[in-house]
C-alpha atoms as a PDB file:
ATOM      1  CA  UNK A   1      -9.270   1.243 -12.844  1.00  0.00           C
ATOM      2  CA  UNK A   2     -11.668   2.915 -10.410  1.00  0.00           C
ATOM      3  CA  UNK A   3     -10.339   6.045  -8.876  1.00  0.00           C
ATOM      4  CA  UNK A   4      -8.967   5.038  -5.456  1.00  0.00           C
ATOM      5  CA  UNK A   5      -8.517   8.172  -2.579  1.00  0.00           C
ATOM      6  CA  UNK A   6      -5.285   9.574  -2.215  1.00  0.00           C
ATOM      7  CA  UNK A   7      -3.725   8.906   0.996  1.00  0.00           C
ATOM      8  CA  UNK A   8      -0.447   9.914   2.273  1.00  0.00           C
ATOM      9  CA  UNK A   9       2.866   8.155   3.401  1.00  0.00           C
ATOM     10  CA  UNK A  10       1.743   8.190   6.967  1.00  0.00           C
ATOM     11  CA  UNK A  11      -2.002   7.196   6.205  1.00  0.00           C
ATOM     12  CA  UNK A  12      -0.139   4.323   4.063  1.00  0.00           C
ATOM     13  CA  UNK A  13       1.311   3.152   7.365  1.00  0.00           C
ATOM     14  CA  UNK A  14      -1.780   3.012   9.076  1.00  0.00           C
ATOM     15  CA  UNK A  15      -3.430   1.298   6.193  1.00  0.00           C
ATOM     16  CA  UNK A  16      -0.837  -1.497   6.222  1.00  0.00           C
ATOM     17  CA  UNK A  17      -1.757  -2.094   9.694  1.00  0.00           C
ATOM     18  CA  UNK A  18      -5.468  -2.274   8.878  1.00  0.00           C
ATOM     19  CA  UNK A  19      -4.918  -4.448   6.036  1.00  0.00           C
ATOM     20  CA  UNK A  20      -2.849  -6.975   7.757  1.00  0.00           C
ATOM     21  CA  UNK A  21      -5.098  -7.257  10.924  1.00  0.00           C
ATOM     22  CA  UNK A  22      -8.746  -6.063  10.264  1.00  0.00           C
ATOM     23  CA  UNK A  23     -11.185  -5.806  11.438  1.00  0.00           C
ATOM     24  CA  UNK A  24      -9.187  -3.660  14.331  1.00  0.00           C
ATOM     25  CA  UNK A  25      -9.894  -1.217  16.997  1.00  0.00           C
ATOM     26  CA  UNK A  26      -8.370   2.105  17.242  1.00  0.00           C
ATOM     27  CA  UNK A  27      -6.394   0.845  20.409  1.00  0.00           C
ATOM     28  CA  UNK A  28      -5.168  -1.969  18.256  1.00  0.00           C
ATOM     29  CA  UNK A  29      -4.023   0.217  15.443  1.00  0.00           C
ATOM     30  CA  UNK A  30      -2.288   2.487  17.965  1.00  0.00           C
ATOM     31  CA  UNK A  31      -0.777  -0.216  19.782  1.00  0.00           C
ATOM     32  CA  UNK A  32       1.092  -1.492  16.645  1.00  0.00           C
ATOM     33  CA  UNK A  33       1.856   2.065  15.651  1.00  0.00           C
ATOM     34  CA  UNK A  34       3.331   3.310  18.760  1.00  0.00           C
ATOM     35  CA  UNK A  35       5.940   0.434  18.526  1.00  0.00           C
ATOM     36  CA  UNK A  36       7.125   1.325  15.417  1.00  0.00           C
ATOM     37  CA  UNK A  37       6.604   4.999  14.946  1.00  0.00           C
ATOM     38  CA  UNK A  38       7.009   8.283  17.086  1.00  0.00           C
ATOM     39  CA  UNK A  39       3.218   8.974  16.648  1.00  0.00           C
ATOM     40  CA  UNK A  40       1.024  10.235  19.714  1.00  0.00           C
ATOM     41  CA  UNK A  41      -2.337   8.295  19.939  1.00  0.00           C
ATOM     42  CA  UNK A  42      -4.035  11.577  19.047  1.00  0.00           C
ATOM     43  CA  UNK A  43      -2.273  11.482  15.895  1.00  0.00           C
ATOM     44  CA  UNK A  44      -2.876   8.037  14.840  1.00  0.00           C
ATOM     45  CA  UNK A  45      -6.637   8.722  15.796  1.00  0.00           C
ATOM     46  CA  UNK A  46      -6.590  11.875  13.368  1.00  0.00           C
ATOM     47  CA  UNK A  47      -5.338   9.494  10.587  1.00  0.00           C
ATOM     48  CA  UNK A  48      -8.110   7.044  11.071  1.00  0.00           C
ATOM     49  CA  UNK A  49     -10.419   9.724  10.976  1.00  0.00           C
ATOM     50  CA  UNK A  50      -8.897  11.133   7.732  1.00  0.00           C
ATOM     51  CA  UNK A  51      -8.976   7.597   6.264  1.00  0.00           C
ATOM     52  CA  UNK A  52     -12.764   6.904   6.914  1.00  0.00           C
ATOM     53  CA  UNK A  53     -13.554  10.683   5.221  1.00  0.00           C
ATOM     54  CA  UNK A  54     -11.276   9.688   2.299  1.00  0.00           C
ATOM     55  CA  UNK A  55     -13.398   6.492   2.253  1.00  0.00           C
ATOM     56  CA  UNK A  56     -10.552   4.199   2.415  1.00  0.00           C
ATOM     57  CA  UNK A  57     -11.825   2.708   5.734  1.00  0.00           C
ATOM     58  CA  UNK A  58     -15.048   2.327   7.286  1.00  0.00           C
ATOM     59  CA  UNK A  59     -15.964   1.654  11.202  1.00  0.00           C
ATOM     60  CA  UNK A  60     -18.445   0.167  13.435  1.00  0.00           C
ATOM     61  CA  UNK A  61     -18.892   1.267  16.812  1.00  0.00           C
ATOM     62  CA  UNK A  62     -19.241  -1.502  19.311  1.00  0.00           C
ATOM     63  CA  UNK A  63     -19.927   0.338  22.744  1.00  0.00           C
ATOM     64  CA  UNK A  64     -16.938   2.811  23.181  1.00  0.00           C
ATOM     65  CA  UNK A  65     -14.749   0.992  20.828  1.00  0.00           C
ATOM     66  CA  UNK A  66     -14.353   1.777  16.951  1.00  0.00           C
ATOM     67  CA  UNK A  67     -13.612  -1.148  14.889  1.00  0.00           C
ATOM     68  CA  UNK A  68     -11.902  -0.379  11.499  1.00  0.00           C
ATOM     69  CA  UNK A  69     -12.165  -2.213   8.308  1.00  0.00           C
ATOM     70  CA  UNK A  70     -10.697  -1.311   4.712  1.00  0.00           C
ATOM     71  CA  UNK A  71     -12.913   0.066   1.894  1.00  0.00           C
ATOM     72  CA  UNK A  72      -9.957  -0.267  -0.208  1.00  0.00           C
ATOM     73  CA  UNK A  73      -8.275  -3.379  -1.276  1.00  0.00           C
ATOM     74  CA  UNK A  74      -4.217  -3.628  -0.835  1.00  0.00           C
ATOM     75  CA  UNK A  75      -3.314  -5.021  -3.902  1.00  0.00           C
ATOM     76  CA  UNK A  76      -5.767  -2.885  -5.766  1.00  0.00           C
ATOM     77  CA  UNK A  77      -4.413   0.308  -4.086  1.00  0.00           C
ATOM     78  CA  UNK A  78      -0.415  -0.845  -4.897  1.00  0.00           C
ATOM     79  CA  UNK A  79      -1.517  -1.621  -8.529  1.00  0.00           C
ATOM     80  CA  UNK A  80      -2.793   2.010  -8.838  1.00  0.00           C
ATOM     81  CA  UNK A  81       0.232   3.872  -7.000  1.00  0.00           C
ATOM     82  CA  UNK A  82       2.475   1.350  -9.292  1.00  0.00           C
ATOM     83  CA  UNK A  83       0.310   2.563 -12.387  1.00  0.00           C
ATOM     84  CA  UNK A  84       0.692   6.166 -11.232  1.00  0.00           C
ATOM     85  CA  UNK A  85       4.463   5.991 -10.472  1.00  0.00           C
ATOM     86  CA  UNK A  86       5.052   4.437 -14.124  1.00  0.00           C
ATOM     87  CA  UNK A  87       3.055   7.510 -15.582  1.00  0.00           C
ATOM     88  CA  UNK A  88       4.735   9.953 -13.647  1.00  0.00           C
ATOM     89  CA  UNK A  89       8.338   8.978 -13.663  1.00  0.00           C
ATOM     90  CA  UNK A  90       8.773   7.011 -16.645  1.00  0.00           C
ATOM     91  CA  UNK A  91       6.173   8.173 -19.014  1.00  0.00           C
ATOM     92  CA  UNK A  92       4.250   4.750 -18.851  1.00  0.00           C
ATOM     93  CA  UNK A  93       7.616   3.032 -20.109  1.00  0.00           C
ATOM     94  CA  UNK A  94       8.348  -0.360 -18.311  1.00  0.00           C
ATOM     95  CA  UNK A  95      11.355  -0.788 -20.379  1.00  0.00           C
ATOM     96  CA  UNK A  96      12.595   2.644 -19.059  1.00  0.00           C
ATOM     97  CA  UNK A  97      11.979   2.023 -15.608  1.00  0.00           C
ATOM     98  CA  UNK A  98      13.240  -1.677 -15.522  1.00  0.00           C
ATOM     99  CA  UNK A  99      16.328  -0.094 -17.118  1.00  0.00           C
ATOM    100  CA  UNK A 100      16.616   2.704 -14.477  1.00  0.00           C
ATOM    101  CA  UNK A 101      16.606  -0.025 -11.594  1.00  0.00           C
ATOM    102  CA  UNK A 102      18.563  -2.358 -13.028  1.00  0.00           C
ATOM    103  CA  UNK A 103      21.439   0.591 -13.592  1.00  0.00           C
ATOM    104  CA  UNK A 104      20.951   1.889 -10.203  1.00  0.00           C
ATOM    105  CA  UNK A 105      20.231  -1.235  -8.167  1.00  0.00           C
ATOM    106  CA  UNK A 106      22.697  -4.076  -7.286  1.00  0.00           C
ATOM    107  CA  UNK A 107      20.785  -7.004  -8.224  1.00  0.00           C
ATOM    108  CA  UNK A 108      21.932 -10.845  -7.074  1.00  0.00           C
ATOM    109  CA  UNK A 109      22.203 -13.777  -9.291  1.00  0.00           C
ATOM    110  CA  UNK A 110      19.012 -14.615  -7.617  1.00  0.00           C
ATOM    111  CA  UNK A 111      17.151 -11.429  -8.391  1.00  0.00           C
ATOM    112  CA  UNK A 112      18.106 -11.820 -12.004  1.00  0.00           C
ATOM    113  CA  UNK A 113      17.019 -15.161 -12.437  1.00  0.00           C
ATOM    114  CA  UNK A 114      13.468 -14.438 -10.657  1.00  0.00           C
ATOM    115  CA  UNK A 115      13.317 -11.563 -13.217  1.00  0.00           C
ATOM    116  CA  UNK A 116      13.968 -13.945 -16.000  1.00  0.00           C
ATOM    117  CA  UNK A 117      11.513 -16.249 -15.334  1.00  0.00           C
ATOM    118  CA  UNK A 118       8.826 -13.844 -14.733  1.00  0.00           C
ATOM    119  CA  UNK A 119       9.743 -12.465 -18.442  1.00  0.00           C
ATOM    120  CA  UNK A 120       9.864 -15.912 -19.671  1.00  0.00           C
ATOM    121  CA  UNK A 121       6.687 -16.706 -18.144  1.00  0.00           C
ATOM    122  CA  UNK A 122       4.717 -13.823 -19.620  1.00  0.00           C
ATOM    123  CA  UNK A 123       6.311 -14.238 -23.228  1.00  0.00           C
ATOM    124  CA  UNK A 124       5.149 -17.990 -23.380  1.00  0.00           C
ATOM    125  CA  UNK A 125       1.687 -17.234 -21.893  1.00  0.00           C
ATOM    126  CA  UNK A 126      -0.690 -17.699 -24.933  1.00  0.00           C
ATOM    127  CA  UNK A 127      -3.101 -14.882 -23.603  1.00  0.00           C
END
């Protein structure tokens, strides 16, 4: 697994917008985020610059407009963060993590059925 940039929770919110709408301009990112956050346009621009510096995003300048595209894939990043979470909080034990969630969360019958199906599919797979 290649090392991906570490991004903050706020930067992750910016990345979600870029992943969903790339290529996307600064003004478009700002429009999305000012609807769902209390961030100023300047704050959003600063986070975009940081993400470029961290090599999570790249941009092209079209006239006076910056157009952003991700350099890091969403699935790749989420897989890395999931792995770090599992290592940090559960010493890499998937069983411990699942047991913790099962004890702490209220799962519906549908949730449990989906989990059973996922496990069944994995255990019957010959690979």
